[in-house]
């Protein structure tokens, strides 16, 4: 085939294998990459796990601030509370039936009652 004069495209590099000890375990999908080079080649699952960890950390910080502002804060482990609340809120779709016996307004009211002790 005749050359068009354009330079040939460079071959696409293959990502390096992740060499961290976590990569060998079945839980490696949820392990954050340990180095910058590993972050460049993070799997979509690892990127999602990193984002979810960041969201949980931010929500935990919000809970810490909220409880610190209360005169008599309940003895709550905010790491556990953040994970419980976020898990609850992100799985409502699994059991709530739109048009079912629990209206969106009732659901909102129940969630607000549960969170009342955490967020004044």
C-alpha atoms as a PDB file:
ATOM      1  CA  UNK A   1       0.000   0.000   0.000  1.00  0.00           C
ATOM      2  CA  UNK A   2       1.437   3.418  -0.905  1.00  0.00           C
ATOM      3  CA  UNK A   3       2.467   5.713   1.922  1.00  0.00           C
ATOM      4  CA  UNK A   4       0.413   8.863   2.420  1.00  0.00           C
ATOM      5  CA  UNK A   5       3.322  10.688   3.968  1.00  0.00           C
ATOM      6  CA  UNK A   6       1.674  10.719   7.404  1.00  0.00           C
ATOM      7  CA  UNK A   7       3.675   9.206  10.243  1.00  0.00           C
ATOM      8  CA  UNK A   8       2.585   5.753  11.362  1.00  0.00           C
ATOM      9  CA  UNK A   9       0.485   5.655  14.521  1.00  0.00           C
ATOM     10  CA  UNK A  10       2.304   4.452  17.595  1.00  0.00           C
ATOM     11  CA  UNK A  11       1.172   1.058  18.848  1.00  0.00           C
ATOM     12  CA  UNK A  12      -1.159   1.133  21.836  1.00  0.00           C
ATOM     13  CA  UNK A  13       0.689   0.286  25.016  1.00  0.00           C
ATOM     14  CA  UNK A  14      -0.508  -2.602  27.123  1.00  0.00           C
ATOM     15  CA  UNK A  15      -1.121  -1.603  30.734  1.00  0.00           C
ATOM     16  CA  UNK A  16       1.400  -3.010  33.167  1.00  0.00           C
ATOM     17  CA  UNK A  17       0.272  -5.688  35.598  1.00  0.00           C
ATOM     18  CA  UNK A  18      -0.603  -4.369  39.016  1.00  0.00           C
ATOM     19  CA  UNK A  19       2.138  -5.654  41.242  1.00  0.00           C
ATOM     20  CA  UNK A  20       0.733  -4.865  44.664  1.00  0.00           C
ATOM     21  CA  UNK A  21       0.140  -7.752  47.078  1.00  0.00           C
ATOM     22  CA  UNK A  22      -3.566  -6.840  46.982  1.00  0.00           C
ATOM     23  CA  UNK A  23      -3.761  -7.715  43.287  1.00  0.00           C
ATOM     24  CA  UNK A  24      -3.378 -11.412  44.036  1.00  0.00           C
ATOM     25  CA  UNK A  25      -6.332 -11.547  46.410  1.00  0.00           C
ATOM     26  CA  UNK A  26      -9.985 -11.918  45.423  1.00  0.00           C
ATOM     27  CA  UNK A  27     -10.633  -8.579  47.141  1.00  0.00           C
ATOM     28  CA  UNK A  28      -8.225  -6.806  44.788  1.00  0.00           C
ATOM     29  CA  UNK A  29     -11.133  -5.330  42.863  1.00  0.00           C
ATOM     30  CA  UNK A  30     -12.042  -3.231  45.897  1.00  0.00           C
ATOM     31  CA  UNK A  31      -8.484  -2.327  46.836  1.00  0.00           C
ATOM     32  CA  UNK A  32      -7.350   1.156  45.925  1.00  0.00           C
ATOM     33  CA  UNK A  33      -4.298   1.258  43.651  1.00  0.00           C
ATOM     34  CA  UNK A  34      -1.165   1.756  45.725  1.00  0.00           C
ATOM     35  CA  UNK A  35       0.883   3.924  43.358  1.00  0.00           C
ATOM     36  CA  UNK A  36       0.446   6.593  40.704  1.00  0.00           C
ATOM     37  CA  UNK A  37       1.271   4.134  37.916  1.00  0.00           C
ATOM     38  CA  UNK A  38      -1.372   1.750  39.238  1.00  0.00           C
ATOM     39  CA  UNK A  39      -3.911   4.600  39.388  1.00  0.00           C
ATOM     40  CA  UNK A  40      -3.340   5.238  35.695  1.00  0.00           C
ATOM     41  CA  UNK A  41      -4.319   1.658  34.940  1.00  0.00           C
ATOM     42  CA  UNK A  42      -7.034   1.226  37.573  1.00  0.00           C
ATOM     43  CA  UNK A  43      -9.936  -0.960  36.561  1.00  0.00           C
ATOM     44  CA  UNK A  44     -13.416   0.570  36.387  1.00  0.00           C
ATOM     45  CA  UNK A  45     -14.269  -1.379  39.543  1.00  0.00           C
ATOM     46  CA  UNK A  46     -11.306   0.161  41.362  1.00  0.00           C
ATOM     47  CA  UNK A  47     -12.260   3.652  40.184  1.00  0.00           C
ATOM     48  CA  UNK A  48     -15.804   3.080  41.464  1.00  0.00           C
ATOM     49  CA  UNK A  49     -14.497   1.748  44.782  1.00  0.00           C
ATOM     50  CA  UNK A  50     -12.266   4.806  45.202  1.00  0.00           C
ATOM     51  CA  UNK A  51     -15.192   7.138  44.447  1.00  0.00           C
ATOM     52  CA  UNK A  52     -17.489   5.316  46.887  1.00  0.00           C
ATOM     53  CA  UNK A  53     -14.829   5.440  49.599  1.00  0.00           C
ATOM     54  CA  UNK A  54     -14.488   9.195  49.032  1.00  0.00           C
ATOM     55  CA  UNK A  55     -18.261   9.713  49.286  1.00  0.00           C
ATOM     56  CA  UNK A  56     -18.402   7.662  52.487  1.00  0.00           C
ATOM     57  CA  UNK A  57     -15.473   9.601  53.944  1.00  0.00           C
ATOM     58  CA  UNK A  58     -17.142  12.940  53.120  1.00  0.00           C
ATOM     59  CA  UNK A  59     -20.433  11.813  54.656  1.00  0.00           C
ATOM     60  CA  UNK A  60     -18.601  10.594  57.764  1.00  0.00           C
ATOM     61  CA  UNK A  61     -16.968  14.024  58.078  1.00  0.00           C
ATOM     62  CA  UNK A  62     -20.432  15.636  57.821  1.00  0.00           C
ATOM     63  CA  UNK A  63     -21.697  13.350  60.582  1.00  0.00           C
ATOM     64  CA  UNK A  64     -18.656  14.176  62.737  1.00  0.00           C
ATOM     65  CA  UNK A  65     -19.374  17.907  62.330  1.00  0.00           C
ATOM     66  CA  UNK A  66     -23.069  17.450  63.001  1.00  0.00           C
ATOM     67  CA  UNK A  67     -22.529  15.441  66.165  1.00  0.00           C
ATOM     68  CA  UNK A  68     -19.844  17.833  67.406  1.00  0.00           C
ATOM     69  CA  UNK A  69     -22.380  20.688  67.126  1.00  0.00           C
ATOM     70  CA  UNK A  70     -24.868  18.904  69.388  1.00  0.00           C
ATOM     71  CA  UNK A  71     -24.909  19.712  73.093  1.00  0.00           C
ATOM     72  CA  UNK A  72     -25.171  16.050  74.091  1.00  0.00           C
ATOM     73  CA  UNK A  73     -24.259  13.982  71.046  1.00  0.00           C
ATOM     74  CA  UNK A  74     -25.171  10.305  71.088  1.00  0.00           C
ATOM     75  CA  UNK A  75     -22.217   7.894  71.262  1.00  0.00           C
ATOM     76  CA  UNK A  76     -22.279   6.988  67.573  1.00  0.00           C
ATOM     77  CA  UNK A  77     -19.404   5.525  65.561  1.00  0.00           C
ATOM     78  CA  UNK A  78     -19.645   7.805  62.519  1.00  0.00           C
ATOM     79  CA  UNK A  79     -17.768   5.363  60.281  1.00  0.00           C
ATOM     80  CA  UNK A  80     -20.412   2.718  60.959  1.00  0.00           C
ATOM     81  CA  UNK A  81     -23.247   5.257  60.777  1.00  0.00           C
ATOM     82  CA  UNK A  82     -22.043   6.655  57.426  1.00  0.00           C
ATOM     83  CA  UNK A  83     -21.879   3.188  55.904  1.00  0.00           C
ATOM     84  CA  UNK A  84     -25.275   2.180  57.314  1.00  0.00           C
ATOM     85  CA  UNK A  85     -27.051   5.330  56.127  1.00  0.00           C
ATOM     86  CA  UNK A  86     -25.488   5.318  52.668  1.00  0.00           C
ATOM     87  CA  UNK A  87     -26.251   1.612  52.257  1.00  0.00           C
ATOM     88  CA  UNK A  88     -29.841   2.207  53.308  1.00  0.00           C
ATOM     89  CA  UNK A  89     -30.342   5.134  50.964  1.00  0.00           C
ATOM     90  CA  UNK A  90     -28.705   3.516  47.945  1.00  0.00           C
ATOM     91  CA  UNK A  91     -30.769   0.322  48.174  1.00  0.00           C
ATOM     92  CA  UNK A  92     -34.276   1.733  48.567  1.00  0.00           C
ATOM     93  CA  UNK A  93     -34.907   0.773  44.938  1.00  0.00           C
ATOM     94  CA  UNK A  94     -34.632  -2.910  45.913  1.00  0.00           C
ATOM     95  CA  UNK A  95     -37.760  -2.922  48.050  1.00  0.00           C
ATOM     96  CA  UNK A  96     -39.757   0.270  47.500  1.00  0.00           C
ATOM     97  CA  UNK A  97     -42.592  -0.131  45.026  1.00  0.00           C
ATOM     98  CA  UNK A  98     -43.664   3.100  43.327  1.00  0.00           C
ATOM     99  CA  UNK A  99     -47.439   3.213  43.598  1.00  0.00           C
ATOM    100  CA  UNK A 100     -47.290   0.670  46.440  1.00  0.00           C
ATOM    101  CA  UNK A 101     -48.482   1.031  50.023  1.00  0.00           C
ATOM    102  CA  UNK A 102     -45.643   3.396  51.051  1.00  0.00           C
ATOM    103  CA  UNK A 103     -45.864   6.757  49.286  1.00  0.00           C
ATOM    104  CA  UNK A 104     -42.743   8.802  48.497  1.00  0.00           C
ATOM    105  CA  UNK A 105     -43.863  11.291  51.152  1.00  0.00           C
ATOM    106  CA  UNK A 106     -44.172   8.560  53.784  1.00  0.00           C
ATOM    107  CA  UNK A 107     -40.787   7.172  52.811  1.00  0.00           C
ATOM    108  CA  UNK A 108     -39.238  10.636  53.104  1.00  0.00           C
ATOM    109  CA  UNK A 109     -40.799  11.101  56.536  1.00  0.00           C
ATOM    110  CA  UNK A 110     -39.477   7.760  57.774  1.00  0.00           C
ATOM    111  CA  UNK A 111     -35.963   8.478  56.500  1.00  0.00           C
ATOM    112  CA  UNK A 112     -36.028  11.909  58.160  1.00  0.00           C
ATOM    113  CA  UNK A 113     -37.090  10.341  61.469  1.00  0.00           C
ATOM    114  CA  UNK A 114     -34.230   7.848  61.294  1.00  0.00           C
ATOM    115  CA  UNK A 115     -31.673  10.548  60.510  1.00  0.00           C
ATOM    116  CA  UNK A 116     -32.973  13.042  63.072  1.00  0.00           C
ATOM    117  CA  UNK A 117     -30.485  11.951  65.725  1.00  0.00           C
ATOM    118  CA  UNK A 118     -27.553  12.248  63.323  1.00  0.00           C
ATOM    119  CA  UNK A 119     -28.333  15.483  61.546  1.00  0.00           C
ATOM    120  CA  UNK A 120     -30.036  18.175  63.657  1.00  0.00           C
END
